[in-house]
ModelCIF file with pLDDT and N, C-alpha, C, O atoms, coordinates in Angstrom:
data_MODEL
#
_entry.id   MODEL 
#
_entity.id                         1 
_entity.type                       polymer 
_entity.pdbx_number_of_molecules   1 
#
_entity_poly.entity_id                      1 
_entity_poly.type                           'polypeptide(L)' 
_entity_poly.nstd_linkage                   no 
_entity_poly.nstd_monomer                   no 
_entity_poly.pdbx_seq_one_letter_code       GYLIDEIKLGVGRYGEDAVQQQISAYLEAGTELWGAEFIGVRLCA 
_entity_poly.pdbx_seq_one_letter_code_can   GYLIDEIKLGVGRYGEDAVQQQISAYLEAGTELWGAEFIGVRLCA 
_entity_poly.pdbx_strand_id                 A 
#
loop_
_entity_poly_seq.entity_id 
_entity_poly_seq.num 
_entity_poly_seq.mon_id 
_entity_poly_seq.hetero 
1 1  GLY n 
1 2  TYR n 
1 3  LEU n 
1 4  ILE n 
1 5  ASP n 
1 6  GLU n 
1 7  ILE n 
1 8  LYS n 
1 9  LEU n 
1 10 GLY n 
1 11 VAL n 
1 12 GLY n 
1 13 ARG n 
1 14 TYR n 
1 15 GLY n 
1 16 GLU n 
1 17 ASP n 
1 18 ALA n 
1 19 VAL n 
1 20 GLN n 
1 21 GLN n 
1 22 GLN n 
1 23 ILE n 
1 24 SER n 
1 25 ALA n 
1 26 TYR n 
1 27 LEU n 
1 28 GLU n 
1 29 ALA n 
1 30 GLY n 
1 31 THR n 
1 32 GLU n 
1 33 LEU n 
1 34 TRP n 
1 35 GLY n 
1 36 ALA n 
1 37 GLU n 
1 38 PHE n 
1 39 ILE n 
1 40 GLY n 
1 41 VAL n 
1 42 ARG n 
1 43 LEU n 
1 44 CYS n 
1 45 ALA n 
#
_struct_asym.id          A 
_struct_asym.entity_id   1 
#
loop_
_ma_qa_metric.id 
_ma_qa_metric.mode 
_ma_qa_metric.name 
_ma_qa_metric.software_group_id 
_ma_qa_metric.type 
1 global pLDDT . pLDDT 
2 local  pLDDT . pLDDT 
#
_ma_qa_metric_global.metric_id      1 
_ma_qa_metric_global.metric_value   86.51 
_ma_qa_metric_global.model_id       1 
_ma_qa_metric_global.ordinal_id     1 
#
loop_
_ma_qa_metric_local.label_asym_id 
_ma_qa_metric_local.label_comp_id 
_ma_qa_metric_local.label_seq_id 
_ma_qa_metric_local.metric_id 
_ma_qa_metric_local.metric_value 
_ma_qa_metric_local.model_id 
_ma_qa_metric_local.ordinal_id 
A GLY 1  2 95.00 1 1  
A TYR 2  2 97.00 1 2  
A LEU 3  2 97.00 1 3  
A ILE 4  2 97.00 1 4  
A ASP 5  2 96.00 1 5  
A GLU 6  2 94.00 1 6  
A ILE 7  2 94.00 1 7  
A LYS 8  2 91.00 1 8  
A LEU 9  2 87.00 1 9  
A GLY 10 2 71.00 1 10 
A VAL 11 2 65.00 1 11 
A GLY 12 2 58.00 1 12 
A ARG 13 2 55.00 1 13 
A TYR 14 2 55.00 1 14 
A GLY 15 2 56.00 1 15 
A GLU 16 2 63.00 1 16 
A ASP 17 2 68.00 1 17 
A ALA 18 2 67.00 1 18 
A VAL 19 2 81.00 1 19 
A GLN 20 2 84.00 1 20 
A GLN 21 2 85.00 1 21 
A GLN 22 2 86.00 1 22 
A ILE 23 2 90.00 1 23 
A SER 24 2 90.00 1 24 
A ALA 25 2 90.00 1 25 
A TYR 26 2 93.00 1 26 
A LEU 27 2 94.00 1 27 
A GLU 28 2 93.00 1 28 
A ALA 29 2 93.00 1 29 
A GLY 30 2 95.00 1 30 
A THR 31 2 95.00 1 31 
A GLU 32 2 93.00 1 32 
A LEU 33 2 93.00 1 33 
A TRP 34 2 96.00 1 34 
A GLY 35 2 96.00 1 35 
A ALA 36 2 96.00 1 36 
A GLU 37 2 96.00 1 37 
A PHE 38 2 96.00 1 38 
A ILE 39 2 94.00 1 39 
A GLY 40 2 95.00 1 40 
A VAL 41 2 95.00 1 41 
A ARG 42 2 94.00 1 42 
A LEU 43 2 92.00 1 43 
A CYS 44 2 93.00 1 44 
A ALA 45 2 89.00 1 45 
#
loop_
_atom_site.group_PDB 
_atom_site.id 
_atom_site.type_symbol 
_atom_site.label_atom_id 
_atom_site.label_alt_id 
_atom_site.label_comp_id 
_atom_site.label_asym_id 
_atom_site.label_entity_id 
_atom_site.label_seq_id 
_atom_site.pdbx_PDB_ins_code 
_atom_site.Cartn_x 
_atom_site.Cartn_y 
_atom_site.Cartn_z 
_atom_site.occupancy 
_atom_site.B_iso_or_equiv 
_atom_site.pdbx_formal_charge 
_atom_site.auth_seq_id 
_atom_site.auth_comp_id 
_atom_site.auth_asym_id 
_atom_site.auth_atom_id 
_atom_site.pdbx_PDB_model_num 
ATOM 1   N N  . GLY A 1 1  ? 3.576   -3.330  24.469 1.00 95.00 ? 1  GLY A N  1 
ATOM 2   C CA . GLY A 1 1  ? 2.477   -3.341  25.148 1.00 95.00 ? 1  GLY A CA 1 
ATOM 3   C C  . GLY A 1 1  ? 2.147   -3.309  26.828 1.00 95.00 ? 1  GLY A C  1 
ATOM 4   O O  . GLY A 1 1  ? 2.924   -2.595  27.461 1.00 95.00 ? 1  GLY A O  1 
ATOM 5   N N  . TYR A 1 2  ? 1.267   -3.880  27.486 1.00 97.00 ? 2  TYR A N  1 
ATOM 6   C CA . TYR A 1 2  ? 1.639   -3.865  29.064 1.00 97.00 ? 2  TYR A CA 1 
ATOM 7   C C  . TYR A 1 2  ? 1.579   -5.705  29.349 1.00 97.00 ? 2  TYR A C  1 
ATOM 8   O O  . TYR A 1 2  ? 1.127   -6.610  28.646 1.00 97.00 ? 2  TYR A O  1 
ATOM 9   N N  . LEU A 1 3  ? 2.208   -5.711  30.602 1.00 97.00 ? 3  LEU A N  1 
ATOM 10  C CA . LEU A 1 3  ? 2.258   -6.534  31.468 1.00 97.00 ? 3  LEU A CA 1 
ATOM 11  C C  . LEU A 1 3  ? 2.243   -6.926  33.138 1.00 97.00 ? 3  LEU A C  1 
ATOM 12  O O  . LEU A 1 3  ? 3.195   -6.743  33.897 1.00 97.00 ? 3  LEU A O  1 
ATOM 13  N N  . ILE A 1 4  ? 1.531   -7.240  33.339 1.00 97.00 ? 4  ILE A N  1 
ATOM 14  C CA . ILE A 1 4  ? 0.553   -7.624  34.684 1.00 97.00 ? 4  ILE A CA 1 
ATOM 15  C C  . ILE A 1 4  ? 1.909   -8.575  35.285 1.00 97.00 ? 4  ILE A C  1 
ATOM 16  O O  . ILE A 1 4  ? 2.240   -9.575  34.647 1.00 97.00 ? 4  ILE A O  1 
ATOM 17  N N  . ASP A 1 5  ? 2.453   -8.292  36.205 1.00 96.00 ? 5  ASP A N  1 
ATOM 18  C CA . ASP A 1 5  ? 3.339   -9.168  37.373 1.00 96.00 ? 5  ASP A CA 1 
ATOM 19  C C  . ASP A 1 5  ? 2.299   -9.003  38.793 1.00 96.00 ? 5  ASP A C  1 
ATOM 20  O O  . ASP A 1 5  ? 1.841   -8.122  39.520 1.00 96.00 ? 5  ASP A O  1 
ATOM 21  N N  . GLU A 1 6  ? 2.284   -10.558 38.620 1.00 94.00 ? 6  GLU A N  1 
ATOM 22  C CA . GLU A 1 6  ? 1.582   -11.077 39.980 1.00 94.00 ? 6  GLU A CA 1 
ATOM 23  C C  . GLU A 1 6  ? 2.945   -11.825 41.190 1.00 94.00 ? 6  GLU A C  1 
ATOM 24  O O  . GLU A 1 6  ? 3.519   -12.913 41.144 1.00 94.00 ? 6  GLU A O  1 
ATOM 25  N N  . ILE A 1 7  ? 3.033   -10.983 41.908 1.00 94.00 ? 7  ILE A N  1 
ATOM 26  C CA . ILE A 1 7  ? 4.660   -11.058 43.032 1.00 94.00 ? 7  ILE A CA 1 
ATOM 27  C C  . ILE A 1 7  ? 4.226   -12.452 43.876 1.00 94.00 ? 7  ILE A C  1 
ATOM 28  O O  . ILE A 1 7  ? 3.105   -12.520 44.380 1.00 94.00 ? 7  ILE A O  1 
ATOM 29  N N  . LYS A 1 8  ? 4.936   -13.265 43.964 1.00 91.00 ? 8  LYS A N  1 
ATOM 30  C CA . LYS A 1 8  ? 4.453   -14.735 44.812 1.00 91.00 ? 8  LYS A CA 1 
ATOM 31  C C  . LYS A 1 8  ? 6.112   -14.975 45.332 1.00 91.00 ? 8  LYS A C  1 
ATOM 32  O O  . LYS A 1 8  ? 7.225   -14.946 44.805 1.00 91.00 ? 8  LYS A O  1 
ATOM 33  N N  . LEU A 1 9  ? 5.599   -15.199 46.541 1.00 87.00 ? 9  LEU A N  1 
ATOM 34  C CA . LEU A 1 9  ? 7.070   -15.249 47.674 1.00 87.00 ? 9  LEU A CA 1 
ATOM 35  C C  . LEU A 1 9  ? 7.530   -16.606 46.681 1.00 87.00 ? 9  LEU A C  1 
ATOM 36  O O  . LEU A 1 9  ? 8.531   -16.572 45.965 1.00 87.00 ? 9  LEU A O  1 
ATOM 37  N N  . GLY A 1 10 ? 6.895   -17.425 46.750 1.00 71.00 ? 10 GLY A N  1 
ATOM 38  C CA . GLY A 1 10 ? 7.116   -19.049 46.076 1.00 71.00 ? 10 GLY A CA 1 
ATOM 39  C C  . GLY A 1 10 ? 5.816   -19.743 45.481 1.00 71.00 ? 10 GLY A C  1 
ATOM 40  O O  . GLY A 1 10 ? 4.780   -19.159 45.799 1.00 71.00 ? 10 GLY A O  1 
ATOM 41  N N  . VAL A 1 11 ? 5.662   -20.842 44.702 1.00 65.00 ? 11 VAL A N  1 
ATOM 42  C CA . VAL A 1 11 ? 4.717   -21.299 43.627 1.00 65.00 ? 11 VAL A CA 1 
ATOM 43  C C  . VAL A 1 11 ? 4.361   -22.111 45.181 1.00 65.00 ? 11 VAL A C  1 
ATOM 44  O O  . VAL A 1 11 ? 3.141   -22.239 45.277 1.00 65.00 ? 11 VAL A O  1 
ATOM 45  N N  . GLY A 1 12 ? 4.948   -22.565 46.147 1.00 58.00 ? 12 GLY A N  1 
ATOM 46  C CA . GLY A 1 12 ? 4.378   -23.500 47.071 1.00 58.00 ? 12 GLY A CA 1 
ATOM 47  C C  . GLY A 1 12 ? 4.146   -24.966 46.719 1.00 58.00 ? 12 GLY A C  1 
ATOM 48  O O  . GLY A 1 12 ? 4.453   -25.526 45.666 1.00 58.00 ? 12 GLY A O  1 
ATOM 49  N N  . ARG A 1 13 ? 3.613   -25.430 47.678 1.00 55.00 ? 13 ARG A N  1 
ATOM 50  C CA . ARG A 1 13 ? 3.165   -26.557 47.205 1.00 55.00 ? 13 ARG A CA 1 
ATOM 51  C C  . ARG A 1 13 ? 2.401   -27.125 46.732 1.00 55.00 ? 13 ARG A C  1 
ATOM 52  O O  . ARG A 1 13 ? 2.553   -28.346 46.708 1.00 55.00 ? 13 ARG A O  1 
ATOM 53  N N  . TYR A 1 14 ? 1.347   -26.605 46.193 1.00 55.00 ? 14 TYR A N  1 
ATOM 54  C CA . TYR A 1 14 ? 0.482   -26.611 45.315 1.00 55.00 ? 14 TYR A CA 1 
ATOM 55  C C  . TYR A 1 14 ? 0.883   -26.144 44.013 1.00 55.00 ? 14 TYR A C  1 
ATOM 56  O O  . TYR A 1 14 ? 0.384   -26.709 43.040 1.00 55.00 ? 14 TYR A O  1 
ATOM 57  N N  . GLY A 1 15 ? 1.665   -25.247 43.843 1.00 56.00 ? 15 GLY A N  1 
ATOM 58  C CA . GLY A 1 15 ? 2.427   -24.779 42.386 1.00 56.00 ? 15 GLY A CA 1 
ATOM 59  C C  . GLY A 1 15 ? 1.696   -23.864 41.689 1.00 56.00 ? 15 GLY A C  1 
ATOM 60  O O  . GLY A 1 15 ? 1.846   -22.768 42.228 1.00 56.00 ? 15 GLY A O  1 
ATOM 61  N N  . GLU A 1 16 ? 1.063   -23.809 40.858 1.00 63.00 ? 16 GLU A N  1 
ATOM 62  C CA . GLU A 1 16 ? 0.392   -22.626 39.696 1.00 63.00 ? 16 GLU A CA 1 
ATOM 63  C C  . GLU A 1 16 ? -1.172  -22.931 39.960 1.00 63.00 ? 16 GLU A C  1 
ATOM 64  O O  . GLU A 1 16 ? -2.069  -22.091 40.037 1.00 63.00 ? 16 GLU A O  1 
ATOM 65  N N  . ASP A 1 17 ? -1.264  -24.074 40.057 1.00 68.00 ? 17 ASP A N  1 
ATOM 66  C CA . ASP A 1 17 ? -2.600  -24.450 40.656 1.00 68.00 ? 17 ASP A CA 1 
ATOM 67  C C  . ASP A 1 17 ? -2.803  -23.605 41.720 1.00 68.00 ? 17 ASP A C  1 
ATOM 68  O O  . ASP A 1 17 ? -3.716  -22.866 41.351 1.00 68.00 ? 17 ASP A O  1 
ATOM 69  N N  . ALA A 1 18 ? -2.504  -23.325 42.723 1.00 67.00 ? 18 ALA A N  1 
ATOM 70  C CA . ALA A 1 18 ? -3.233  -23.022 44.029 1.00 67.00 ? 18 ALA A CA 1 
ATOM 71  C C  . ALA A 1 18 ? -3.271  -21.088 43.195 1.00 67.00 ? 18 ALA A C  1 
ATOM 72  O O  . ALA A 1 18 ? -4.078  -20.374 43.790 1.00 67.00 ? 18 ALA A O  1 
ATOM 73  N N  . VAL A 1 19 ? -2.694  -20.534 42.288 1.00 81.00 ? 19 VAL A N  1 
ATOM 74  C CA . VAL A 1 19 ? -2.691  -19.457 41.370 1.00 81.00 ? 19 VAL A CA 1 
ATOM 75  C C  . VAL A 1 19 ? -4.000  -18.949 40.203 1.00 81.00 ? 19 VAL A C  1 
ATOM 76  O O  . VAL A 1 19 ? -4.545  -17.854 40.072 1.00 81.00 ? 19 VAL A O  1 
ATOM 77  N N  . GLN A 1 20 ? -4.196  -20.213 39.491 1.00 84.00 ? 20 GLN A N  1 
ATOM 78  C CA . GLN A 1 20 ? -4.829  -20.331 38.576 1.00 84.00 ? 20 GLN A CA 1 
ATOM 79  C C  . GLN A 1 20 ? -5.345  -19.454 37.913 1.00 84.00 ? 20 GLN A C  1 
ATOM 80  O O  . GLN A 1 20 ? -4.912  -18.893 36.906 1.00 84.00 ? 20 GLN A O  1 
ATOM 81  N N  . GLN A 1 21 ? -6.950  -19.212 38.847 1.00 85.00 ? 21 GLN A N  1 
ATOM 82  C CA . GLN A 1 21 ? -7.943  -18.298 39.208 1.00 85.00 ? 21 GLN A CA 1 
ATOM 83  C C  . GLN A 1 21 ? -7.631  -17.271 39.078 1.00 85.00 ? 21 GLN A C  1 
ATOM 84  O O  . GLN A 1 21 ? -8.349  -16.568 38.367 1.00 85.00 ? 21 GLN A O  1 
ATOM 85  N N  . GLN A 1 22 ? -6.449  -16.693 39.677 1.00 86.00 ? 22 GLN A N  1 
ATOM 86  C CA . GLN A 1 22 ? -6.160  -15.266 39.700 1.00 86.00 ? 22 GLN A CA 1 
ATOM 87  C C  . GLN A 1 22 ? -5.435  -14.889 38.211 1.00 86.00 ? 22 GLN A C  1 
ATOM 88  O O  . GLN A 1 22 ? -5.584  -13.897 37.498 1.00 86.00 ? 22 GLN A O  1 
ATOM 89  N N  . ILE A 1 23 ? -4.778  -15.824 38.080 1.00 90.00 ? 23 ILE A N  1 
ATOM 90  C CA . ILE A 1 23 ? -4.180  -15.245 36.730 1.00 90.00 ? 23 ILE A CA 1 
ATOM 91  C C  . ILE A 1 23 ? -5.199  -15.880 35.933 1.00 90.00 ? 23 ILE A C  1 
ATOM 92  O O  . ILE A 1 23 ? -4.456  -16.110 34.979 1.00 90.00 ? 23 ILE A O  1 
ATOM 93  N N  . SER A 1 24 ? -6.232  -16.314 35.591 1.00 90.00 ? 24 SER A N  1 
ATOM 94  C CA . SER A 1 24 ? -7.272  -16.897 34.558 1.00 90.00 ? 24 SER A CA 1 
ATOM 95  C C  . SER A 1 24 ? -7.774  -14.937 34.556 1.00 90.00 ? 24 SER A C  1 
ATOM 96  O O  . SER A 1 24 ? -7.725  -14.017 33.739 1.00 90.00 ? 24 SER A O  1 
ATOM 97  N N  . ALA A 1 25 ? -8.190  -15.107 35.877 1.00 90.00 ? 25 ALA A N  1 
ATOM 98  C CA . ALA A 1 25 ? -8.799  -13.431 36.075 1.00 90.00 ? 25 ALA A CA 1 
ATOM 99  C C  . ALA A 1 25 ? -8.330  -12.290 35.386 1.00 90.00 ? 25 ALA A C  1 
ATOM 100 O O  . ALA A 1 25 ? -8.970  -11.638 34.560 1.00 90.00 ? 25 ALA A O  1 
ATOM 101 N N  . TYR A 1 26 ? -6.789  -12.019 35.902 1.00 93.00 ? 26 TYR A N  1 
ATOM 102 C CA . TYR A 1 26 ? -6.191  -10.986 35.364 1.00 93.00 ? 26 TYR A CA 1 
ATOM 103 C C  . TYR A 1 26 ? -5.834  -11.354 33.708 1.00 93.00 ? 26 TYR A C  1 
ATOM 104 O O  . TYR A 1 26 ? -5.817  -10.319 33.043 1.00 93.00 ? 26 TYR A O  1 
ATOM 105 N N  . LEU A 1 27 ? -5.635  -12.212 33.149 1.00 94.00 ? 27 LEU A N  1 
ATOM 106 C CA . LEU A 1 27 ? -5.495  -11.968 31.589 1.00 94.00 ? 27 LEU A CA 1 
ATOM 107 C C  . LEU A 1 27 ? -6.973  -12.034 31.084 1.00 94.00 ? 27 LEU A C  1 
ATOM 108 O O  . LEU A 1 27 ? -7.105  -11.803 29.882 1.00 94.00 ? 27 LEU A O  1 
ATOM 109 N N  . GLU A 1 28 ? -7.660  -12.200 31.515 1.00 93.00 ? 28 GLU A N  1 
ATOM 110 C CA . GLU A 1 28 ? -9.117  -11.659 31.110 1.00 93.00 ? 28 GLU A CA 1 
ATOM 111 C C  . GLU A 1 28 ? -9.436  -10.308 31.273 1.00 93.00 ? 28 GLU A C  1 
ATOM 112 O O  . GLU A 1 28 ? -10.371 -9.736  30.712 1.00 93.00 ? 28 GLU A O  1 
ATOM 113 N N  . ALA A 1 29 ? -8.570  -9.770  32.119 1.00 93.00 ? 29 ALA A N  1 
ATOM 114 C CA . ALA A 1 29 ? -9.325  -8.382  32.550 1.00 93.00 ? 29 ALA A CA 1 
ATOM 115 C C  . ALA A 1 29 ? -8.144  -7.366  31.690 1.00 93.00 ? 29 ALA A C  1 
ATOM 116 O O  . ALA A 1 29 ? -8.344  -6.198  31.357 1.00 93.00 ? 29 ALA A O  1 
ATOM 117 N N  . GLY A 1 30 ? -6.969  -8.112  31.460 1.00 95.00 ? 30 GLY A N  1 
ATOM 118 C CA . GLY A 1 30 ? -5.847  -7.384  30.978 1.00 95.00 ? 30 GLY A CA 1 
ATOM 119 C C  . GLY A 1 30 ? -6.120  -7.697  29.063 1.00 95.00 ? 30 GLY A C  1 
ATOM 120 O O  . GLY A 1 30 ? -5.767  -7.009  28.105 1.00 95.00 ? 30 GLY A O  1 
ATOM 121 N N  . THR A 1 31 ? -6.807  -8.885  29.112 1.00 95.00 ? 31 THR A N  1 
ATOM 122 C CA . THR A 1 31 ? -7.112  -8.327  27.277 1.00 95.00 ? 31 THR A CA 1 
ATOM 123 C C  . THR A 1 31 ? -8.420  -7.238  27.206 1.00 95.00 ? 31 THR A C  1 
ATOM 124 O O  . THR A 1 31 ? -8.681  -6.378  26.365 1.00 95.00 ? 31 THR A O  1 
ATOM 125 N N  . GLU A 1 32 ? -9.081  -7.619  28.368 1.00 93.00 ? 32 GLU A N  1 
ATOM 126 C CA . GLU A 1 32 ? -10.449 -6.202  28.407 1.00 93.00 ? 32 GLU A CA 1 
ATOM 127 C C  . GLU A 1 32 ? -9.967  -4.952  28.234 1.00 93.00 ? 32 GLU A C  1 
ATOM 128 O O  . GLU A 1 32 ? -10.481 -4.088  27.524 1.00 93.00 ? 32 GLU A O  1 
ATOM 129 N N  . LEU A 1 33 ? -8.776  -4.828  29.013 1.00 93.00 ? 33 LEU A N  1 
ATOM 130 C CA . LEU A 1 33 ? -8.211  -3.459  29.091 1.00 93.00 ? 33 LEU A CA 1 
ATOM 131 C C  . LEU A 1 33 ? -7.187  -2.791  28.348 1.00 93.00 ? 33 LEU A C  1 
ATOM 132 O O  . LEU A 1 33 ? -6.838  -1.611  28.334 1.00 93.00 ? 33 LEU A O  1 
ATOM 133 N N  . TRP A 1 34 ? -6.834  -3.669  27.814 1.00 96.00 ? 34 TRP A N  1 
ATOM 134 C CA . TRP A 1 34 ? -5.658  -3.217  26.932 1.00 96.00 ? 34 TRP A CA 1 
ATOM 135 C C  . TRP A 1 34 ? -5.717  -4.395  25.330 1.00 96.00 ? 34 TRP A C  1 
ATOM 136 O O  . TRP A 1 34 ? -4.865  -4.309  24.445 1.00 96.00 ? 34 TRP A O  1 
ATOM 137 N N  . GLY A 1 35 ? -6.524  -5.088  25.300 1.00 96.00 ? 35 GLY A N  1 
ATOM 138 C CA . GLY A 1 35 ? -6.259  -5.373  23.660 1.00 96.00 ? 35 GLY A CA 1 
ATOM 139 C C  . GLY A 1 35 ? -4.975  -6.585  23.602 1.00 96.00 ? 35 GLY A C  1 
ATOM 140 O O  . GLY A 1 35 ? -4.252  -7.319  24.275 1.00 96.00 ? 35 GLY A O  1 
ATOM 141 N N  . ALA A 1 36 ? -5.355  -6.119  22.181 1.00 96.00 ? 36 ALA A N  1 
ATOM 142 C CA . ALA A 1 36 ? -3.889  -6.534  21.461 1.00 96.00 ? 36 ALA A CA 1 
ATOM 143 C C  . ALA A 1 36 ? -2.763  -6.444  21.658 1.00 96.00 ? 36 ALA A C  1 
ATOM 144 O O  . ALA A 1 36 ? -1.798  -7.139  21.339 1.00 96.00 ? 36 ALA A O  1 
ATOM 145 N N  . GLU A 1 37 ? -2.962  -4.943  22.584 1.00 96.00 ? 37 GLU A N  1 
ATOM 146 C CA . GLU A 1 37 ? -1.568  -4.657  23.185 1.00 96.00 ? 37 GLU A CA 1 
ATOM 147 C C  . GLU A 1 37 ? -1.081  -5.502  24.453 1.00 96.00 ? 37 GLU A C  1 
ATOM 148 O O  . GLU A 1 37 ? 0.090   -5.363  24.808 1.00 96.00 ? 37 GLU A O  1 
ATOM 149 N N  . PHE A 1 38 ? -1.869  -6.316  25.109 1.00 96.00 ? 38 PHE A N  1 
ATOM 150 C CA . PHE A 1 38 ? -1.946  -6.766  26.910 1.00 96.00 ? 38 PHE A CA 1 
ATOM 151 C C  . PHE A 1 38 ? -0.920  -7.879  26.276 1.00 96.00 ? 38 PHE A C  1 
ATOM 152 O O  . PHE A 1 38 ? -1.248  -8.408  25.214 1.00 96.00 ? 38 PHE A O  1 
ATOM 153 N N  . ILE A 1 39 ? 0.178   -8.202  26.837 1.00 94.00 ? 39 ILE A N  1 
ATOM 154 C CA . ILE A 1 39 ? 1.098   -9.470  26.363 1.00 94.00 ? 39 ILE A CA 1 
ATOM 155 C C  . ILE A 1 39 ? 0.591   -10.342 27.393 1.00 94.00 ? 39 ILE A C  1 
ATOM 156 O O  . ILE A 1 39 ? 0.317   -11.466 26.973 1.00 94.00 ? 39 ILE A O  1 
ATOM 157 N N  . GLY A 1 40 ? 0.388   -10.147 28.619 1.00 95.00 ? 40 GLY A N  1 
ATOM 158 C CA . GLY A 1 40 ? 0.092   -11.607 29.586 1.00 95.00 ? 40 GLY A CA 1 
ATOM 159 C C  . GLY A 1 40 ? 0.288   -11.031 31.384 1.00 95.00 ? 40 GLY A C  1 
ATOM 160 O O  . GLY A 1 40 ? 0.200   -9.966  31.996 1.00 95.00 ? 40 GLY A O  1 
ATOM 161 N N  . VAL A 1 41 ? 0.479   -11.921 31.574 1.00 95.00 ? 41 VAL A N  1 
ATOM 162 C CA . VAL A 1 41 ? 0.872   -12.334 33.156 1.00 95.00 ? 41 VAL A CA 1 
ATOM 163 C C  . VAL A 1 41 ? 2.184   -12.822 33.732 1.00 95.00 ? 41 VAL A C  1 
ATOM 164 O O  . VAL A 1 41 ? 2.025   -13.987 34.098 1.00 95.00 ? 41 VAL A O  1 
ATOM 165 N N  . ARG A 1 42 ? 3.140   -12.493 33.907 1.00 94.00 ? 42 ARG A N  1 
ATOM 166 C CA . ARG A 1 42 ? 4.191   -12.927 34.473 1.00 94.00 ? 42 ARG A CA 1 
ATOM 167 C C  . ARG A 1 42 ? 4.062   -13.281 35.935 1.00 94.00 ? 42 ARG A C  1 
ATOM 168 O O  . ARG A 1 42 ? 4.125   -12.319 36.701 1.00 94.00 ? 42 ARG A O  1 
ATOM 169 N N  . LEU A 1 43 ? 3.902   -14.427 36.446 1.00 92.00 ? 43 LEU A N  1 
ATOM 170 C CA . LEU A 1 43 ? 4.183   -15.224 37.883 1.00 92.00 ? 43 LEU A CA 1 
ATOM 171 C C  . LEU A 1 43 ? 5.532   -14.690 38.300 1.00 92.00 ? 43 LEU A C  1 
ATOM 172 O O  . LEU A 1 43 ? 6.306   -14.631 37.345 1.00 92.00 ? 43 LEU A O  1 
ATOM 173 N N  . CYS A 1 44 ? 5.911   -14.385 39.158 1.00 93.00 ? 44 CYS A N  1 
ATOM 174 C CA . CYS A 1 44 ? 7.333   -14.069 39.721 1.00 93.00 ? 44 CYS A CA 1 
ATOM 175 C C  . CYS A 1 44 ? 7.233   -14.877 41.058 1.00 93.00 ? 44 CYS A C  1 
ATOM 176 O O  . CYS A 1 44 ? 7.054   -14.392 42.176 1.00 93.00 ? 44 CYS A O  1 
ATOM 177 N N  . ALA A 1 45 ? 7.325   -15.685 40.863 1.00 89.00 ? 45 ALA A N  1 
ATOM 178 C CA . ALA A 1 45 ? 8.612   -16.543 42.123 1.00 89.00 ? 45 ALA A CA 1 
ATOM 179 C C  . ALA A 1 45 ? 9.420   -15.948 42.564 1.00 89.00 ? 45 ALA A C  1 
ATOM 180 O O  . ALA A 1 45 ? 10.218  -16.471 43.342 1.00 89.00 ? 45 ALA A O  1 
#
């Protein structure tokens, strides 16, 4: 399937909450683009 990598230098003080909107948008977009072939979003710290 398909995988989206989100590259972050670190998750920082606010952790994953700070990028949650971005991850949610990518999960939605990936599902729309690739359906069942979409694996998910990897947050690369």
